[in-house]
Amino acid sequence: MVRRTCSTHTERNTHMTATTTERPTQTVETTAAATATQATTGTQTDANRLTFAVAMIAVMFAVMVMAVVGAVTGIPTLMFASSVLAAITMGVGIYTGINLLEAR
């Protein structure tokens, strides 16, 4: 920091004074920190996608069991409900699958 003193006031020069050799080191450190943050974020995103995919598979199996029980017992309401849930699950599964493929 440079101070210039005059009879009426004092002026401070607070500009950064990094030399040319210091700047590349700062850039490398900043880049390394950003890369580590991106890797952590990518891992978290992959974990979230995997969790969602597992949940969708669980819903699919539940709907399949519901449809089988409805078909065996002959309850039309159960078969209708399972077909509606199957259609919804299929739509969400396809949409999610497309997004997962694009994310890779």
PDB file of N, CA and C in Angstrom:
ATOM      1  N   MET A   1       0.844  -1.153   0.000  1.00  0.00           N
ATOM      2  CA  MET A   1       0.000   0.000   0.000  1.00  0.00           C
ATOM      3  C   MET A   1       0.905   1.235   0.000  1.00  0.00           C
ATOM      4  N   VAL A   2       0.561   2.190  -0.826  1.00  0.00           N
ATOM      5  CA  VAL A   2       1.354   3.404  -0.954  1.00  0.00           C
ATOM      6  C   VAL A   2       0.572   4.542  -0.327  1.00  0.00           C
ATOM      7  N   ARG A   3       1.233   5.321   0.502  1.00  0.00           N
ATOM      8  CA  ARG A   3       0.587   6.489   1.108  1.00  0.00           C
ATOM      9  C   ARG A   3       1.274   7.746   0.595  1.00  0.00           C
ATOM     10  N   ARG A   4       0.458   8.658   0.200  1.00  0.00           N
ATOM     11  CA  ARG A   4       0.970   9.963  -0.208  1.00  0.00           C
ATOM     12  C   ARG A   4       0.419  10.984   0.781  1.00  0.00           C
ATOM     13  N   THR A   5       1.282  11.726   1.351  1.00  0.00           N
ATOM     14  CA  THR A   5       0.852  12.683   2.370  1.00  0.00           C
ATOM     15  C   THR A   5       1.020  14.091   1.830  1.00  0.00           C
ATOM     16  N   CYS A   6       0.008  14.847   2.027  1.00  0.00           N
ATOM     17  CA  CYS A   6       0.005  16.244   1.632  1.00  0.00           C
ATOM     18  C   CYS A   6      -0.286  17.053   2.898  1.00  0.00           C
ATOM     19  N   SER A   7      -0.188  18.325   2.830  1.00  0.00           N
ATOM     20  CA  SER A   7      -0.452  19.127   4.021  1.00  0.00           C
ATOM     21  C   SER A   7      -1.928  19.096   4.403  1.00  0.00           C
ATOM     22  N   THR A   8      -2.823  18.808   3.434  1.00  0.00           N
ATOM     23  CA  THR A   8      -4.255  18.842   3.744  1.00  0.00           C
ATOM     24  C   THR A   8      -4.894  17.464   3.869  1.00  0.00           C
ATOM     25  N   HIS A   9      -4.368  16.447   3.200  1.00  0.00           N
ATOM     26  CA  HIS A   9      -5.003  15.125   3.272  1.00  0.00           C
ATOM     27  C   HIS A   9      -3.991  14.011   2.984  1.00  0.00           C
ATOM     28  N   THR A  10      -4.413  12.796   3.318  1.00  0.00           N
ATOM     29  CA  THR A  10      -3.594  11.615   3.056  1.00  0.00           C
ATOM     30  C   THR A  10      -4.326  10.753   2.040  1.00  0.00           C
ATOM     31  N   GLU A  11      -3.635  10.297   1.005  1.00  0.00           N
ATOM     32  CA  GLU A  11      -4.247   9.481  -0.050  1.00  0.00           C
ATOM     33  C   GLU A  11      -3.672   8.072   0.026  1.00  0.00           C
ATOM     34  N   ARG A  12      -4.554   7.084  -0.064  1.00  0.00           N
ATOM     35  CA  ARG A  12      -4.110   5.691  -0.035  1.00  0.00           C
ATOM     36  C   ARG A  12      -4.288   5.060  -1.405  1.00  0.00           C
ATOM     37  N   ASN A  13      -3.302   4.311  -1.800  1.00  0.00           N
ATOM     38  CA  ASN A  13      -3.407   3.531  -3.024  1.00  0.00           C
ATOM     39  C   ASN A  13      -3.650   2.084  -2.598  1.00  0.00           C
ATOM     40  N   THR A  14      -4.878   1.599  -2.795  1.00  0.00           N
ATOM     41  CA  THR A  14      -5.235   0.258  -2.328  1.00  0.00           C
ATOM     42  C   THR A  14      -5.415  -0.713  -3.485  1.00  0.00           C
ATOM     43  N   HIS A  15      -4.848  -0.424  -4.628  1.00  0.00           N
ATOM     44  CA  HIS A  15      -4.965  -1.319  -5.777  1.00  0.00           C
ATOM     45  C   HIS A  15      -4.161  -2.588  -5.540  1.00  0.00           C
ATOM     46  N   MET A  16      -4.605  -3.674  -6.177  1.00  0.00           N
ATOM     47  CA  MET A  16      -3.873  -4.935  -6.055  1.00  0.00           C
ATOM     48  C   MET A  16      -2.526  -4.802  -6.750  1.00  0.00           C
ATOM     49  N   THR A  17      -1.524  -5.360  -6.138  1.00  0.00           N
ATOM     50  CA  THR A  17      -0.186  -5.239  -6.693  1.00  0.00           C
ATOM     51  C   THR A  17       0.444  -6.606  -6.920  1.00  0.00           C
ATOM     52  N   ALA A  18      -0.325  -7.544  -7.450  1.00  0.00           N
ATOM     53  CA  ALA A  18       0.222  -8.873  -7.738  1.00  0.00           C
ATOM     54  C   ALA A  18       1.161  -8.777  -8.930  1.00  0.00           C
ATOM     55  N   THR A  19       2.267  -9.468  -8.830  1.00  0.00           N
ATOM     56  CA  THR A  19       3.221  -9.461  -9.933  1.00  0.00           C
ATOM     57  C   THR A  19       2.777 -10.454 -11.000  1.00  0.00           C
ATOM     58  N   THR A  20       3.455 -10.421 -12.123  1.00  0.00           N
ATOM     59  CA  THR A  20       3.112 -11.309 -13.231  1.00  0.00           C
ATOM     60  C   THR A  20       3.317 -12.773 -12.863  1.00  0.00           C
ATOM     61  N   THR A  21       4.316 -13.080 -12.071  1.00  0.00           N
ATOM     62  CA  THR A  21       4.560 -14.479 -11.697  1.00  0.00           C
ATOM     63  C   THR A  21       3.553 -14.985 -10.670  1.00  0.00           C
ATOM     64  N   GLU A  22       2.933 -14.110  -9.907  1.00  0.00           N
ATOM     65  CA  GLU A  22       1.940 -14.531  -8.919  1.00  0.00           C
ATOM     66  C   GLU A  22       0.595 -14.834  -9.567  1.00  0.00           C
ATOM     67  N   ARG A  23       0.247 -14.165 -10.617  1.00  0.00           N
ATOM     68  CA  ARG A  23      -1.074 -14.325 -11.229  1.00  0.00           C
ATOM     69  C   ARG A  23      -1.345 -15.732 -11.761  1.00  0.00           C
ATOM     70  N   PRO A  24      -0.423 -16.381 -12.496  1.00  0.00           N
ATOM     71  CA  PRO A  24      -0.717 -17.742 -12.951  1.00  0.00           C
ATOM     72  C   PRO A  24      -0.945 -18.710 -11.789  1.00  0.00           C
ATOM     73  N   THR A  25      -0.207 -18.530 -10.689  1.00  0.00           N
ATOM     74  CA  THR A  25      -0.395 -19.391  -9.524  1.00  0.00           C
ATOM     75  C   THR A  25      -1.791 -19.208  -8.954  1.00  0.00           C
ATOM     76  N   GLN A  26      -2.251 -17.986  -8.879  1.00  0.00           N
ATOM     77  CA  GLN A  26      -3.596 -17.728  -8.374  1.00  0.00           C
ATOM     78  C   GLN A  26      -4.633 -18.350  -9.297  1.00  0.00           C
ATOM     79  N   THR A  27      -4.417 -18.263 -10.585  1.00  0.00           N
ATOM     80  CA  THR A  27      -5.357 -18.825 -11.545  1.00  0.00           C
ATOM     81  C   THR A  27      -5.414 -20.341 -11.431  1.00  0.00           C
ATOM     82  N   VAL A  28      -4.281 -20.989 -11.266  1.00  0.00           N
ATOM     83  CA  VAL A  28      -4.249 -22.446 -11.136  1.00  0.00           C
ATOM     84  C   VAL A  28      -4.978 -22.879  -9.874  1.00  0.00           C
ATOM     85  N   GLU A  29      -4.758 -22.172  -8.763  1.00  0.00           N
ATOM     86  CA  GLU A  29      -5.441 -22.511  -7.514  1.00  0.00           C
ATOM     87  C   GLU A  29      -6.943 -22.328  -7.659  1.00  0.00           C
ATOM     88  N   THR A  30      -7.349 -21.243  -8.291  1.00  0.00           N
ATOM     89  CA  THR A  30      -8.774 -20.992  -8.492  1.00  0.00           C
ATOM     90  C   THR A  30      -9.382 -22.059  -9.389  1.00  0.00           C
ATOM     91  N   THR A  31      -8.676 -22.432 -10.447  1.00  0.00           N
ATOM     92  CA  THR A  31      -9.168 -23.464 -11.360  1.00  0.00           C
ATOM     93  C   THR A  31      -9.275 -24.810 -10.661  1.00  0.00           C
ATOM     94  N   ALA A  32      -8.301 -25.149  -9.835  1.00  0.00           N
ATOM     95  CA  ALA A  32      -8.344 -26.423  -9.103  1.00  0.00           C
ATOM     96  C   ALA A  32      -9.527 -26.462  -8.154  1.00  0.00           C
ATOM     97  N   ALA A  33      -9.798 -25.359  -7.473  1.00  0.00           N
ATOM     98  CA  ALA A  33     -10.942 -25.310  -6.553  1.00  0.00           C
ATOM     99  C   ALA A  33     -12.252 -25.424  -7.319  1.00  0.00           C
ATOM    100  N   ALA A  34     -12.346 -24.752  -8.466  1.00  0.00           N
ATOM    101  CA  ALA A  34     -13.565 -24.825  -9.271  1.00  0.00           C
ATOM    102  C   ALA A  34     -13.773 -26.230  -9.820  1.00  0.00           C
ATOM    103  N   THR A  35     -12.701 -26.896 -10.233  1.00  0.00           N
ATOM    104  CA  THR A  35     -12.808 -28.263 -10.751  1.00  0.00           C
ATOM    105  C   THR A  35     -13.272 -29.221  -9.664  1.00  0.00           C
ATOM    106  N   ALA A  36     -12.754 -29.066  -8.457  1.00  0.00           N
ATOM    107  CA  ALA A  36     -13.174 -29.925  -7.342  1.00  0.00           C
ATOM    108  C   ALA A  36     -14.645 -29.707  -7.023  1.00  0.00           C
ATOM    109  N   THR A  37     -15.089 -28.450  -7.075  1.00  0.00           N
ATOM    110  CA  THR A  37     -16.497 -28.148  -6.815  1.00  0.00           C
ATOM    111  C   THR A  37     -17.380 -28.756  -7.888  1.00  0.00           C
ATOM    112  N   GLN A  38     -16.967 -28.675  -9.154  1.00  0.00           N
ATOM    113  CA  GLN A  38     -17.753 -29.253 -10.240  1.00  0.00           C
ATOM    114  C   GLN A  38     -17.824 -30.764 -10.123  1.00  0.00           C
ATOM    115  N   ALA A  39     -16.734 -31.409  -9.717  1.00  0.00           N
ATOM    116  CA  ALA A  39     -16.733 -32.865  -9.557  1.00  0.00           C
ATOM    117  C   ALA A  39     -17.683 -33.281  -8.448  1.00  0.00           C
ATOM    118  N   THR A  40     -17.690 -32.525  -7.348  1.00  0.00           N
ATOM    119  CA  THR A  40     -18.600 -32.828  -6.242  1.00  0.00           C
ATOM    120  C   THR A  40     -20.042 -32.641  -6.675  1.00  0.00           C
ATOM    121  N   THR A  41     -20.318 -31.558  -7.395  1.00  0.00           N
ATOM    122  CA  THR A  41     -21.673 -31.304  -7.869  1.00  0.00           C
ATOM    123  C   THR A  41     -22.109 -32.384  -8.843  1.00  0.00           C
ATOM    124  N   GLY A  42     -21.221 -32.818  -9.732  1.00  0.00           N
ATOM    125  CA  GLY A  42     -21.543 -33.884 -10.679  1.00  0.00           C
ATOM    126  C   GLY A  42     -21.851 -35.191  -9.979  1.00  0.00           C
ATOM    127  N   THR A  43     -21.098 -35.502  -8.936  1.00  0.00           N
ATOM    128  CA  THR A  43     -21.343 -36.725  -8.171  1.00  0.00           C
ATOM    129  C   THR A  43     -22.691 -36.664  -7.482  1.00  0.00           C
ATOM    130  N   GLN A  44     -23.027 -35.517  -6.919  1.00  0.00           N
ATOM    131  CA  GLN A  44     -24.324 -35.359  -6.258  1.00  0.00           C
ATOM    132  C   GLN A  44     -25.456 -35.479  -7.264  1.00  0.00           C
ATOM    133  N   THR A  45     -25.287 -34.912  -8.438  1.00  0.00           N
ATOM    134  CA  THR A  45     -26.316 -34.992  -9.468  1.00  0.00           C
ATOM    135  C   THR A  45     -26.515 -36.429  -9.915  1.00  0.00           C
ATOM    136  N   ASP A  46     -25.409 -37.161 -10.113  1.00  0.00           N
ATOM    137  CA  ASP A  46     -25.521 -38.575 -10.490  1.00  0.00           C
ATOM    138  C   ASP A  46     -26.227 -39.380  -9.411  1.00  0.00           C
ATOM    139  N   ALA A  47     -25.934 -39.093  -8.146  1.00  0.00           N
ATOM    140  CA  ALA A  47     -26.596 -39.803  -7.042  1.00  0.00           C
ATOM    141  C   ALA A  47     -28.093 -39.503  -7.025  1.00  0.00           C
ATOM    142  N   ASN A  48     -28.451 -38.243  -7.291  1.00  0.00           N
ATOM    143  CA  ASN A  48     -29.871 -37.883  -7.326  1.00  0.00           C
ATOM    144  C   ASN A  48     -30.582 -38.579  -8.480  1.00  0.00           C
ATOM    145  N   ARG A  49     -29.937 -38.659  -9.624  1.00  0.00           N
ATOM    146  CA  ARG A  49     -30.542 -39.340 -10.773  1.00  0.00           C
ATOM    147  C   ARG A  49     -30.719 -40.825 -10.498  1.00  0.00           C
ATOM    148  N   LEU A  50     -29.712 -41.431  -9.888  1.00  0.00           N
ATOM    149  CA  LEU A  50     -29.793 -42.852  -9.563  1.00  0.00           C
ATOM    150  C   LEU A  50     -30.919 -43.111  -8.566  1.00  0.00           C
ATOM    151  N   THR A  51     -31.043 -42.267  -7.564  1.00  0.00           N
ATOM    152  CA  THR A  51     -32.115 -42.409  -6.577  1.00  0.00           C
ATOM    153  C   THR A  51     -33.472 -42.306  -7.250  1.00  0.00           C
ATOM    154  N   PHE A  52     -33.625 -41.344  -8.155  1.00  0.00           N
ATOM    155  CA  PHE A  52     -34.899 -41.180  -8.846  1.00  0.00           C
ATOM    156  C   PHE A  52     -35.194 -42.385  -9.730  1.00  0.00           C
ATOM    157  N   ALA A  53     -34.183 -42.892 -10.411  1.00  0.00           N
ATOM    158  CA  ALA A  53     -34.388 -44.063 -11.269  1.00  0.00           C
ATOM    159  C   ALA A  53     -34.799 -45.279 -10.445  1.00  0.00           C
ATOM    160  N   VAL A  54     -34.185 -45.468  -9.285  1.00  0.00           N
ATOM    161  CA  VAL A  54     -34.554 -46.586  -8.410  1.00  0.00           C
ATOM    162  C   VAL A  54     -35.987 -46.416  -7.921  1.00  0.00           C
ATOM    163  N   ALA A  55     -36.374 -45.205  -7.573  1.00  0.00           N
ATOM    164  CA  ALA A  55     -37.750 -44.949  -7.127  1.00  0.00           C
ATOM    165  C   ALA A  55     -38.748 -45.238  -8.244  1.00  0.00           C
ATOM    166  N   MET A  56     -38.409 -44.870  -9.477  1.00  0.00           N
ATOM    167  CA  MET A  56     -39.318 -45.141 -10.600  1.00  0.00           C
ATOM    168  C   MET A  56     -39.443 -46.643 -10.847  1.00  0.00           C
ATOM    169  N   ILE A  57     -38.372 -47.377 -10.683  1.00  0.00           N
ATOM    170  CA  ILE A  57     -38.431 -48.836 -10.842  1.00  0.00           C
ATOM    171  C   ILE A  57     -39.310 -49.442  -9.755  1.00  0.00           C
ATOM    172  N   ALA A  58     -39.209 -48.920  -8.529  1.00  0.00           N
ATOM    173  CA  ALA A  58     -40.054 -49.414  -7.435  1.00  0.00           C
ATOM    174  C   ALA A  58     -41.526 -49.148  -7.721  1.00  0.00           C
ATOM    175  N   VAL A  59     -41.836 -47.969  -8.254  1.00  0.00           N
ATOM    176  CA  VAL A  59     -43.227 -47.651  -8.613  1.00  0.00           C
ATOM    177  C   VAL A  59     -43.699 -48.585  -9.723  1.00  0.00           C
ATOM    178  N   MET A  60     -42.841 -48.863 -10.689  1.00  0.00           N
ATOM    179  CA  MET A  60     -43.207 -49.761 -11.780  1.00  0.00           C
ATOM    180  C   MET A  60     -43.560 -51.154 -11.247  1.00  0.00           C
ATOM    181  N   PHE A  61     -42.735 -51.668 -10.340  1.00  0.00           N
ATOM    182  CA  PHE A  61     -43.030 -52.991  -9.771  1.00  0.00           C
ATOM    183  C   PHE A  61     -44.320 -52.981  -8.955  1.00  0.00           C
ATOM    184  N   ALA A  62     -44.571 -51.900  -8.226  1.00  0.00           N
ATOM    185  CA  ALA A  62     -45.815 -51.807  -7.450  1.00  0.00           C
ATOM    186  C   ALA A  62     -47.028 -51.814  -8.369  1.00  0.00           C
ATOM    187  N   VAL A  63     -46.950 -51.103  -9.479  1.00  0.00           N
ATOM    188  CA  VAL A  63     -48.058 -51.074 -10.440  1.00  0.00           C
ATOM    189  C   VAL A  63     -48.227 -52.449 -11.080  1.00  0.00           C
ATOM    190  N   MET A  64     -47.122 -53.133 -11.375  1.00  0.00           N
ATOM    191  CA  MET A  64     -47.226 -54.479 -11.953  1.00  0.00           C
ATOM    192  C   MET A  64     -47.909 -55.445 -10.982  1.00  0.00           C
ATOM    193  N   VAL A  65     -47.535 -55.375  -9.712  1.00  0.00           N
ATOM    194  CA  VAL A  65     -48.176 -56.238  -8.708  1.00  0.00           C
ATOM    195  C   VAL A  65     -49.661 -55.911  -8.602  1.00  0.00           C
ATOM    196  N   MET A  66     -49.976 -54.631  -8.634  1.00  0.00           N
ATOM    197  CA  MET A  66     -51.377 -54.206  -8.565  1.00  0.00           C
ATOM    198  C   MET A  66     -52.162 -54.731  -9.766  1.00  0.00           C
ATOM    199  N   ALA A  67     -51.568 -54.683 -10.942  1.00  0.00           N
ATOM    200  CA  ALA A  67     -52.244 -55.184 -12.142  1.00  0.00           C
ATOM    201  C   ALA A  67     -52.440 -56.693 -12.072  1.00  0.00           C
ATOM    202  N   VAL A  68     -51.445 -57.418 -11.596  1.00  0.00           N
ATOM    203  CA  VAL A  68     -51.563 -58.883 -11.481  1.00  0.00           C
ATOM    204  C   VAL A  68     -52.647 -59.247 -10.473  1.00  0.00           C
ATOM    205  N   VAL A  69     -52.668 -58.572  -9.336  1.00  0.00           N
ATOM    206  CA  VAL A  69     -53.701 -58.843  -8.325  1.00  0.00           C
ATOM    207  C   VAL A  69     -55.080 -58.522  -8.884  1.00  0.00           C
ATOM    208  N   GLY A  70     -55.187 -57.426  -9.614  1.00  0.00           N
ATOM    209  CA  GLY A  70     -56.475 -57.070 -10.228  1.00  0.00           C
ATOM    210  C   GLY A  70     -56.914 -58.093 -11.254  1.00  0.00           C
ATOM    211  N   ALA A  71     -55.976 -58.610 -12.042  1.00  0.00           N
ATOM    212  CA  ALA A  71     -56.323 -59.605 -13.059  1.00  0.00           C
ATOM    213  C   ALA A  71     -56.701 -60.938 -12.426  1.00  0.00           C
ATOM    214  N   VAL A  72     -55.999 -61.342 -11.377  1.00  0.00           N
ATOM    215  CA  VAL A  72     -56.280 -62.626 -10.724  1.00  0.00           C
ATOM    216  C   VAL A  72     -57.615 -62.584  -9.987  1.00  0.00           C
ATOM    217  N   THR A  73     -57.863 -61.503  -9.277  1.00  0.00           N
ATOM    218  CA  THR A  73     -59.105 -61.411  -8.499  1.00  0.00           C
ATOM    219  C   THR A  73     -60.284 -60.954  -9.340  1.00  0.00           C
ATOM    220  N   GLY A  74     -60.027 -60.358 -10.474  1.00  0.00           N
ATOM    221  CA  GLY A  74     -61.106 -59.915 -11.353  1.00  0.00           C
ATOM    222  C   GLY A  74     -61.792 -58.644 -10.877  1.00  0.00           C
ATOM    223  N   ILE A  75     -61.091 -57.809 -10.141  1.00  0.00           N
ATOM    224  CA  ILE A  75     -61.673 -56.544  -9.668  1.00  0.00           C
ATOM    225  C   ILE A  75     -61.400 -55.478 -10.725  1.00  0.00           C
ATOM    226  N   PRO A  76     -62.463 -54.995 -11.396  1.00  0.00           N
ATOM    227  CA  PRO A  76     -62.257 -54.021 -12.480  1.00  0.00           C
ATOM    228  C   PRO A  76     -61.662 -52.696 -11.996  1.00  0.00           C
ATOM    229  N   THR A  77     -62.032 -52.263 -10.809  1.00  0.00           N
ATOM    230  CA  THR A  77     -61.510 -50.990 -10.302  1.00  0.00           C
ATOM    231  C   THR A  77     -59.997 -51.054 -10.126  1.00  0.00           C
ATOM    232  N   LEU A  78     -59.524 -52.154  -9.612  1.00  0.00           N
ATOM    233  CA  LEU A  78     -58.089 -52.327  -9.403  1.00  0.00           C
ATOM    234  C   LEU A  78     -57.343 -52.395 -10.738  1.00  0.00           C
ATOM    235  N   MET A  79     -57.924 -53.060 -11.715  1.00  0.00           N
ATOM    236  CA  MET A  79     -57.286 -53.137 -13.040  1.00  0.00           C
ATOM    237  C   MET A  79     -57.277 -51.769 -13.718  1.00  0.00           C
ATOM    238  N   PHE A  80     -58.372 -51.001 -13.582  1.00  0.00           N
ATOM    239  CA  PHE A  80     -58.432 -49.664 -14.175  1.00  0.00           C
ATOM    240  C   PHE A  80     -57.406 -48.742 -13.509  1.00  0.00           C
ATOM    241  N   ALA A  81     -57.347 -48.785 -12.175  1.00  0.00           N
ATOM    242  CA  ALA A  81     -56.391 -47.938 -11.455  1.00  0.00           C
ATOM    243  C   ALA A  81     -54.952 -48.292 -11.826  1.00  0.00           C
ATOM    244  N   SER A  82     -54.679 -49.584 -11.959  1.00  0.00           N
ATOM    245  CA  SER A  82     -53.314 -49.982 -12.319  1.00  0.00           C
ATOM    246  C   SER A  82     -52.965 -49.563 -13.739  1.00  0.00           C
ATOM    247  N   SER A  83     -53.937 -49.581 -14.643  1.00  0.00           N
ATOM    248  CA  SER A  83     -53.644 -49.147 -16.017  1.00  0.00           C
ATOM    249  C   SER A  83     -53.377 -47.646 -16.072  1.00  0.00           C
ATOM    250  N   VAL A  84     -54.131 -46.864 -15.289  1.00  0.00           N
ATOM    251  CA  VAL A  84     -53.894 -45.412 -15.255  1.00  0.00           C
ATOM    252  C   VAL A  84     -52.521 -45.117 -14.647  1.00  0.00           C
ATOM    253  N   LEU A  85     -52.217 -45.763 -13.528  1.00  0.00           N
ATOM    254  CA  LEU A  85     -50.907 -45.559 -12.904  1.00  0.00           C
ATOM    255  C   LEU A  85     -49.768 -46.038 -13.808  1.00  0.00           C
ATOM    256  N   ALA A  86     -49.998 -47.109 -14.539  1.00  0.00           N
ATOM    257  CA  ALA A  86     -48.970 -47.605 -15.464  1.00  0.00           C
ATOM    258  C   ALA A  86     -48.705 -46.593 -16.573  1.00  0.00           C
ATOM    259  N   ALA A  87     -49.764 -45.984 -17.093  1.00  0.00           N
ATOM    260  CA  ALA A  87     -49.592 -44.978 -18.147  1.00  0.00           C
ATOM    261  C   ALA A  87     -48.825 -43.764 -17.622  1.00  0.00           C
ATOM    262  N   ILE A  88     -49.163 -43.328 -16.412  1.00  0.00           N
ATOM    263  CA  ILE A  88     -48.465 -42.181 -15.826  1.00  0.00           C
ATOM    264  C   ILE A  88     -46.998 -42.526 -15.574  1.00  0.00           C
ATOM    265  N   THR A  89     -46.766 -43.691 -15.004  1.00  0.00           N
ATOM    266  CA  THR A  89     -45.390 -44.119 -14.723  1.00  0.00           C
ATOM    267  C   THR A  89     -44.581 -44.264 -16.005  1.00  0.00           C
ATOM    268  N   MET A  90     -45.206 -44.786 -17.045  1.00  0.00           N
ATOM    269  CA  MET A  90     -44.513 -44.944 -18.320  1.00  0.00           C
ATOM    270  C   MET A  90     -44.112 -43.579 -18.881  1.00  0.00           C
ATOM    271  N   GLY A  91     -45.020 -42.608 -18.827  1.00  0.00           N
ATOM    272  CA  GLY A  91     -44.707 -41.267 -19.325  1.00  0.00           C
ATOM    273  C   GLY A  91     -43.566 -40.624 -18.561  1.00  0.00           C
ATOM    274  N   VAL A  92     -43.627 -40.712 -17.238  1.00  0.00           N
ATOM    275  CA  VAL A  92     -42.562 -40.130 -16.415  1.00  0.00           C
ATOM    276  C   VAL A  92     -41.245 -40.864 -16.650  1.00  0.00           C
ATOM    277  N   GLY A  93     -41.310 -42.188 -16.773  1.00  0.00           N
ATOM    278  CA  GLY A  93     -40.098 -42.974 -17.006  1.00  0.00           C
ATOM    279  C   GLY A  93     -39.437 -42.644 -18.333  1.00  0.00           C
ATOM    280  N   ILE A  94     -40.237 -42.490 -19.375  1.00  0.00           N
ATOM    281  CA  ILE A  94     -39.681 -42.147 -20.696  1.00  0.00           C
ATOM    282  C   ILE A  94     -39.067 -40.752 -20.667  1.00  0.00           C
ATOM    283  N   TYR A  95     -39.784 -39.792 -20.078  1.00  0.00           N
ATOM    284  CA  TYR A  95     -39.280 -38.421 -19.984  1.00  0.00           C
ATOM    285  C   TYR A  95     -37.969 -38.387 -19.197  1.00  0.00           C
ATOM    286  N   THR A  96     -37.937 -39.095 -18.081  1.00  0.00           N
ATOM    287  CA  THR A  96     -36.726 -39.140 -17.260  1.00  0.00           C
ATOM    288  C   THR A  96     -35.586 -39.831 -17.995  1.00  0.00           C
ATOM    289  N   GLY A  97     -35.886 -40.914 -18.690  1.00  0.00           N
ATOM    290  CA  GLY A  97     -34.855 -41.618 -19.448  1.00  0.00           C
ATOM    291  C   GLY A  97     -34.225 -40.743 -20.514  1.00  0.00           C
ATOM    292  N   ILE A  98     -35.050 -39.985 -21.210  1.00  0.00           N
ATOM    293  CA  ILE A  98     -34.528 -39.072 -22.238  1.00  0.00           C
ATOM    294  C   ILE A  98     -33.625 -38.021 -21.604  1.00  0.00           C
ATOM    295  N   ASN A  99     -34.064 -37.450 -20.477  1.00  0.00           N
ATOM    296  CA  ASN A  99     -33.241 -36.441 -19.803  1.00  0.00           C
ATOM    297  C   ASN A  99     -31.935 -37.026 -19.281  1.00  0.00           C
ATOM    298  N   LEU A 100     -31.974 -38.254 -18.779  1.00  0.00           N
ATOM    299  CA  LEU A 100     -30.747 -38.884 -18.299  1.00  0.00           C
ATOM    300  C   LEU A 100     -29.774 -39.153 -19.440  1.00  0.00           C
ATOM    301  N   LEU A 101     -30.296 -39.542 -20.601  1.00  0.00           N
ATOM    302  CA  LEU A 101     -29.423 -39.774 -21.753  1.00  0.00           C
ATOM    303  C   LEU A 101     -28.805 -38.474 -22.246  1.00  0.00           C
ATOM    304  N   GLU A 102     -29.576 -37.385 -22.220  1.00  0.00           N
ATOM    305  CA  GLU A 102     -29.040 -36.095 -22.650  1.00  0.00           C
ATOM    306  C   GLU A 102     -28.004 -35.569 -21.669  1.00  0.00           C
ATOM    307  N   ALA A 103     -28.170 -35.882 -20.383  1.00  0.00           N
ATOM    308  CA  ALA A 103     -27.236 -35.389 -19.367  1.00  0.00           C
ATOM    309  C   ALA A 103     -25.871 -36.051 -19.488  1.00  0.00           C
ATOM    310  N   ARG A 104     -25.794 -37.229 -20.032  1.00  0.00           N
ATOM    311  CA  ARG A 104     -24.523 -37.932 -20.164  1.00  0.00           C
ATOM    312  C   ARG A 104     -23.807 -37.355 -21.311  1.00  0.00           C
TER     313      ARG A 104
END
